[in-house]
Amino acid sequence: MTYQHPKFLVAVDCVIFGYQDADLKLLLHHRDIEPAKGQWSLMGGFVSDGESVEDAAMRVLYQTTGLTNIYLEQVAAFSAVDRDPGARVISIALVALIRIDEHDRELVRKNGAHWRSVNEVPKLIFDHNEIVEKGLETLQKRASNELAGRELLPEHFTFGQLRSLYEAIFQRTFDPGNFRKKVLSLNVIERLDIKNTKESKKGAYYHRFKDQNESNDPERIFKIHLKG
């Protein structure tokens, strides 16, 4: 028995965030098919037979960046009847977090992709600007519930670099002392016996994330929305 029902296309659109030079960035490209060929777009594609939504997203990410071990989280489904003038397309949006220093730069270039600051996102095709907004909200929610940075920062980082990441994610400043106190209370990072002497004359100690099974309180909420 087969269902007698109109068939729709299912797509994935990946909100790919990276972090570099104290700036949260988004990977975009110029769309290479009609409609809206040549306009700015998120990286994405259609879900193929035999693929799950997650499989399709990971395929797109691998083909674009050359990376396989990528943090991925579903954002929402976008299903407005007229969202894509080419056909009835239901899109599943997903947030991906990658280390810019680890991705295949040449592969990104061949795909016509470019990193753009989240503060300078151009007009995108269809409802992609709305998808980006929802993706950023998803990242902010995650960064509020657990300490972000594993997927975006280098292996070794200073408190200043971690705070700069949070300021880029939330688009606001945080008091250095209060931020440090909140982070240390989570017991998810450890100090290393090496310093970054580029940030100050005295130097700042590098830290690293502990293995996830080393932290004592993985469910504790990092209430980053509090003043400080």
Protein backbone atom coordinates (compact mmCIF):
# COMPACT_ATOMS: atom_id res chain seq x y z
CA MET A 1 0.00 0.00 0.00
CA THR A 2 1.26 3.49 -0.81
CA TYR A 3 -0.05 6.76 0.53
CA GLN A 4 -2.09 8.84 -1.90
CA HIS A 5 -0.88 12.28 -0.94
CA PRO A 6 0.99 15.17 -2.56
CA LYS A 7 4.73 14.79 -2.26
CA PHE A 8 7.00 17.60 -1.08
CA LEU A 9 10.73 18.15 -1.21
CA VAL A 10 12.66 18.13 2.06
CA ALA A 11 15.83 20.18 2.40
CA VAL A 12 18.40 20.96 5.07
CA ASP A 13 19.81 24.44 5.64
CA CYS A 14 22.91 24.62 7.79
CA VAL A 15 23.61 27.65 9.96
CA ILE A 16 27.37 27.14 10.20
CA PHE A 17 29.00 29.21 12.92
CA GLY A 18 32.73 29.69 13.40
CA TYR A 19 34.77 32.02 15.60
CA GLN A 20 37.85 34.00 14.65
CA ASP A 21 39.50 37.26 15.73
CA ALA A 22 36.92 37.91 18.47
CA ASP A 23 34.12 37.70 15.89
CA LEU A 24 31.34 35.15 15.51
CA LYS A 25 31.13 34.25 11.83
CA LEU A 26 28.65 32.57 9.51
CA LEU A 27 29.52 30.50 6.44
CA LEU A 28 27.57 31.62 3.37
CA HIS A 29 27.81 31.07 -0.36
CA HIS A 30 26.35 32.35 -3.60
CA ARG A 31 23.56 29.99 -4.63
CA ASP A 32 24.46 28.08 -7.81
CA ILE A 33 20.98 27.04 -8.99
CA GLU A 34 17.76 28.80 -9.90
CA PRO A 35 15.66 30.32 -8.48
CA ALA A 36 17.75 33.09 -6.88
CA LYS A 37 20.96 31.89 -8.53
CA GLY A 38 23.96 34.01 -7.51
CA GLN A 39 22.36 35.41 -4.37
CA TRP A 40 23.66 34.87 -0.84
CA SER A 41 22.46 31.66 0.78
CA LEU A 42 23.06 29.30 3.66
CA MET A 43 24.83 26.06 2.83
CA GLY A 44 22.25 23.34 2.26
CA GLY A 45 20.74 20.75 -0.02
CA PHE A 46 17.93 18.27 -0.49
CA VAL A 47 17.55 15.13 1.59
CA SER A 48 18.20 12.10 -0.64
CA ASP A 49 16.57 8.68 -0.56
CA GLY A 50 18.02 6.61 2.26
CA GLU A 51 19.23 9.67 4.19
CA SER A 52 18.06 11.06 7.49
CA VAL A 53 17.98 14.82 7.94
CA GLU A 54 21.15 14.57 10.05
CA ASP A 55 22.87 12.44 7.40
CA ALA A 56 22.04 15.01 4.74
CA ALA A 57 23.35 17.86 6.89
CA MET A 58 26.58 16.02 7.65
CA ARG A 59 27.02 15.32 3.92
CA VAL A 60 26.63 19.01 3.14
CA LEU A 61 29.06 19.95 5.91
CA TYR A 62 31.67 17.41 4.80
CA GLN A 63 31.42 18.45 1.17
CA THR A 64 31.81 22.09 2.20
CA THR A 65 34.43 21.96 4.97
CA GLY A 66 36.09 18.53 4.79
CA LEU A 67 35.22 17.94 8.47
CA THR A 68 33.28 14.99 9.87
CA ASN A 69 33.26 15.43 13.66
CA ILE A 70 30.96 18.46 13.81
CA TYR A 71 28.53 19.55 16.52
CA LEU A 72 25.05 19.61 14.99
CA GLU A 73 21.70 20.62 16.50
CA GLN A 74 18.27 20.94 14.93
CA VAL A 75 16.77 24.42 15.09
CA ALA A 76 13.30 24.22 13.56
CA ALA A 77 11.30 23.28 10.48
CA PHE A 78 10.44 26.03 8.00
CA SER A 79 7.37 25.10 6.01
CA ALA A 80 5.62 28.20 4.67
CA VAL A 81 3.84 27.20 1.48
CA ASP A 82 5.50 29.93 -0.59
CA ARG A 83 8.94 29.98 1.06
CA ASP A 84 10.68 28.63 -2.07
CA PRO A 85 9.38 29.84 -5.46
CA GLY A 86 10.90 26.80 -7.19
CA ALA A 87 8.72 24.14 -5.53
CA ARG A 88 7.03 23.22 -2.27
CA VAL A 89 10.07 22.69 -0.04
CA ILE A 90 10.07 22.00 3.67
CA SER A 91 13.43 22.88 5.17
CA ILE A 92 14.94 21.58 8.40
CA ALA A 93 17.40 24.11 9.79
CA LEU A 94 20.38 22.93 11.82
CA VAL A 95 23.14 24.75 13.68
CA ALA A 96 26.69 23.52 13.09
CA LEU A 97 29.72 24.67 15.10
CA ILE A 98 33.18 24.29 13.59
CA ARG A 99 36.74 25.35 14.25
CA ILE A 100 37.74 27.71 11.46
CA ASP A 101 41.40 26.78 11.93
CA GLU A 102 40.61 23.10 11.25
CA HIS A 103 38.42 23.25 8.16
CA ASP A 104 39.67 22.73 4.60
CA ARG A 105 40.12 26.30 3.32
CA GLU A 106 40.64 25.19 -0.28
CA LEU A 107 37.46 23.10 -0.23
CA VAL A 108 35.51 26.04 1.18
CA ARG A 109 36.91 28.24 -1.60
CA LYS A 110 35.96 25.70 -4.28
CA ASN A 111 32.41 25.68 -2.94
CA GLY A 112 32.28 29.45 -3.30
CA ALA A 113 31.71 29.85 0.43
CA HIS A 114 32.78 32.83 2.52
CA TRP A 115 32.87 33.62 6.22
CA ARG A 116 30.82 36.69 7.13
CA SER A 117 30.47 38.33 10.53
CA VAL A 118 27.07 37.75 12.14
CA ASN A 119 26.96 41.54 12.44
CA GLU A 120 27.24 41.90 8.66
CA VAL A 121 24.90 39.22 7.31
CA PRO A 122 23.67 40.33 3.86
CA LYS A 123 20.18 39.88 2.46
CA LEU A 124 19.79 36.13 1.98
CA ILE A 125 17.47 34.12 -0.25
CA PHE A 126 13.96 33.10 0.76
CA ASP A 127 13.60 32.91 4.57
CA HIS A 128 17.29 32.33 5.28
CA ASN A 129 17.69 35.52 7.32
CA GLU A 130 14.95 34.26 9.63
CA ILE A 131 16.71 30.88 9.81
CA VAL A 132 19.94 32.63 10.82
CA GLU A 133 18.11 34.51 13.60
CA LYS A 134 16.64 31.26 14.92
CA GLY A 135 20.04 29.61 14.64
CA LEU A 136 21.68 32.35 16.70
CA GLU A 137 18.94 32.02 19.32
CA THR A 138 19.65 28.28 19.48
CA LEU A 139 23.38 28.94 19.98
CA GLN A 140 22.65 31.51 22.70
CA LYS A 141 20.35 29.09 24.49
CA ARG A 142 23.01 26.40 24.42
CA ALA A 143 25.66 28.84 25.65
CA SER A 144 23.32 29.78 28.53
CA ASN A 145 22.80 26.16 29.59
CA GLU A 146 26.38 24.94 29.33
CA LEU A 147 29.78 26.49 28.81
CA ALA A 148 30.28 26.98 25.08
CA GLY A 149 33.65 26.89 23.41
CA ARG A 150 34.65 23.28 22.90
CA GLU A 151 33.68 23.41 19.24
CA LEU A 152 34.69 27.02 18.51
CA LEU A 153 37.86 27.86 20.46
CA PRO A 154 41.38 26.48 20.01
CA GLU A 155 42.33 23.63 22.33
CA HIS A 156 44.18 26.09 24.59
CA PHE A 157 42.60 29.47 25.34
CA THR A 158 42.72 32.27 27.89
CA PHE A 159 39.86 33.59 30.01
CA GLY A 160 39.93 36.72 27.89
CA GLN A 161 39.44 34.68 24.73
CA LEU A 162 36.57 32.72 26.31
CA ARG A 163 34.90 35.92 27.47
CA SER A 164 35.33 37.45 24.01
CA LEU A 165 33.56 34.43 22.53
CA TYR A 166 30.61 34.93 24.87
CA GLU A 167 30.50 38.61 24.08
CA ALA A 168 30.39 37.76 20.38
CA ILE A 169 27.60 35.20 20.88
CA PHE A 170 25.43 37.45 23.04
CA GLN A 171 26.43 40.79 21.50
CA ARG A 172 27.10 42.38 24.90
CA THR A 173 29.98 42.85 27.31
CA PHE A 174 30.59 40.88 30.51
CA ASP A 175 32.42 42.00 33.62
CA PRO A 176 35.75 40.08 33.60
CA GLY A 177 35.72 39.26 37.32
CA ASN A 178 32.13 38.04 37.47
CA PHE A 179 32.53 36.09 34.25
CA ARG A 180 35.63 34.35 35.60
CA LYS A 181 33.88 33.49 38.87
CA LYS A 182 30.87 32.00 37.07
CA VAL A 183 33.02 29.93 34.73
CA LEU A 184 35.24 28.55 37.50
CA SER A 185 32.17 27.50 39.51
CA LEU A 186 31.24 25.10 36.71
CA ASN A 187 34.45 23.06 37.08
CA VAL A 188 34.63 22.24 33.37
CA ILE A 189 37.96 23.88 32.47
CA GLU A 190 41.44 23.61 33.96
CA ARG A 191 44.41 25.97 33.99
CA LEU A 192 47.60 25.00 32.22
CA ASP A 193 51.12 25.97 33.27
CA ILE A 194 51.73 27.99 30.13
CA LYS A 195 50.94 31.60 29.41
CA ASN A 196 49.90 33.71 26.47
CA THR A 197 52.23 36.70 26.64
CA LYS A 198 50.65 38.43 23.64
CA GLU A 199 47.57 39.69 25.50
CA SER A 200 49.45 41.49 28.27
CA LYS A 201 52.94 42.08 29.58
CA LYS A 202 52.22 39.90 32.61
CA GLY A 203 50.72 37.17 30.48
CA ALA A 204 47.49 35.19 30.85
CA TYR A 205 47.36 31.51 31.67
CA TYR A 206 45.98 29.17 29.07
CA HIS A 207 43.10 26.87 29.97
CA ARG A 208 41.52 23.85 28.36
CA PHE A 209 38.21 22.06 28.62
CA LYS A 210 38.24 18.97 30.82
CA ASP A 211 37.04 15.71 29.36
CA GLN A 212 33.27 15.71 29.68
CA ASN A 213 33.31 12.84 32.17
CA GLU A 214 35.73 14.78 34.43
CA SER A 215 33.39 17.67 35.28
CA ASN A 216 31.51 17.31 38.57
CA ASP A 217 28.31 19.10 37.64
CA PRO A 218 27.53 18.75 33.92
CA GLU A 219 23.85 19.69 34.31
CA ARG A 220 24.46 22.95 36.13
CA ILE A 221 23.08 25.95 34.24
CA PHE A 222 25.47 28.76 33.36
CA LYS A 223 23.15 31.71 33.87
CA ILE A 224 24.93 34.00 31.49
CA HIS A 225 21.87 36.25 31.23
CA LEU A 226 22.43 37.56 34.76
CA LYS A 227 24.02 40.98 35.10
CA GLY A 228 27.77 41.03 35.39
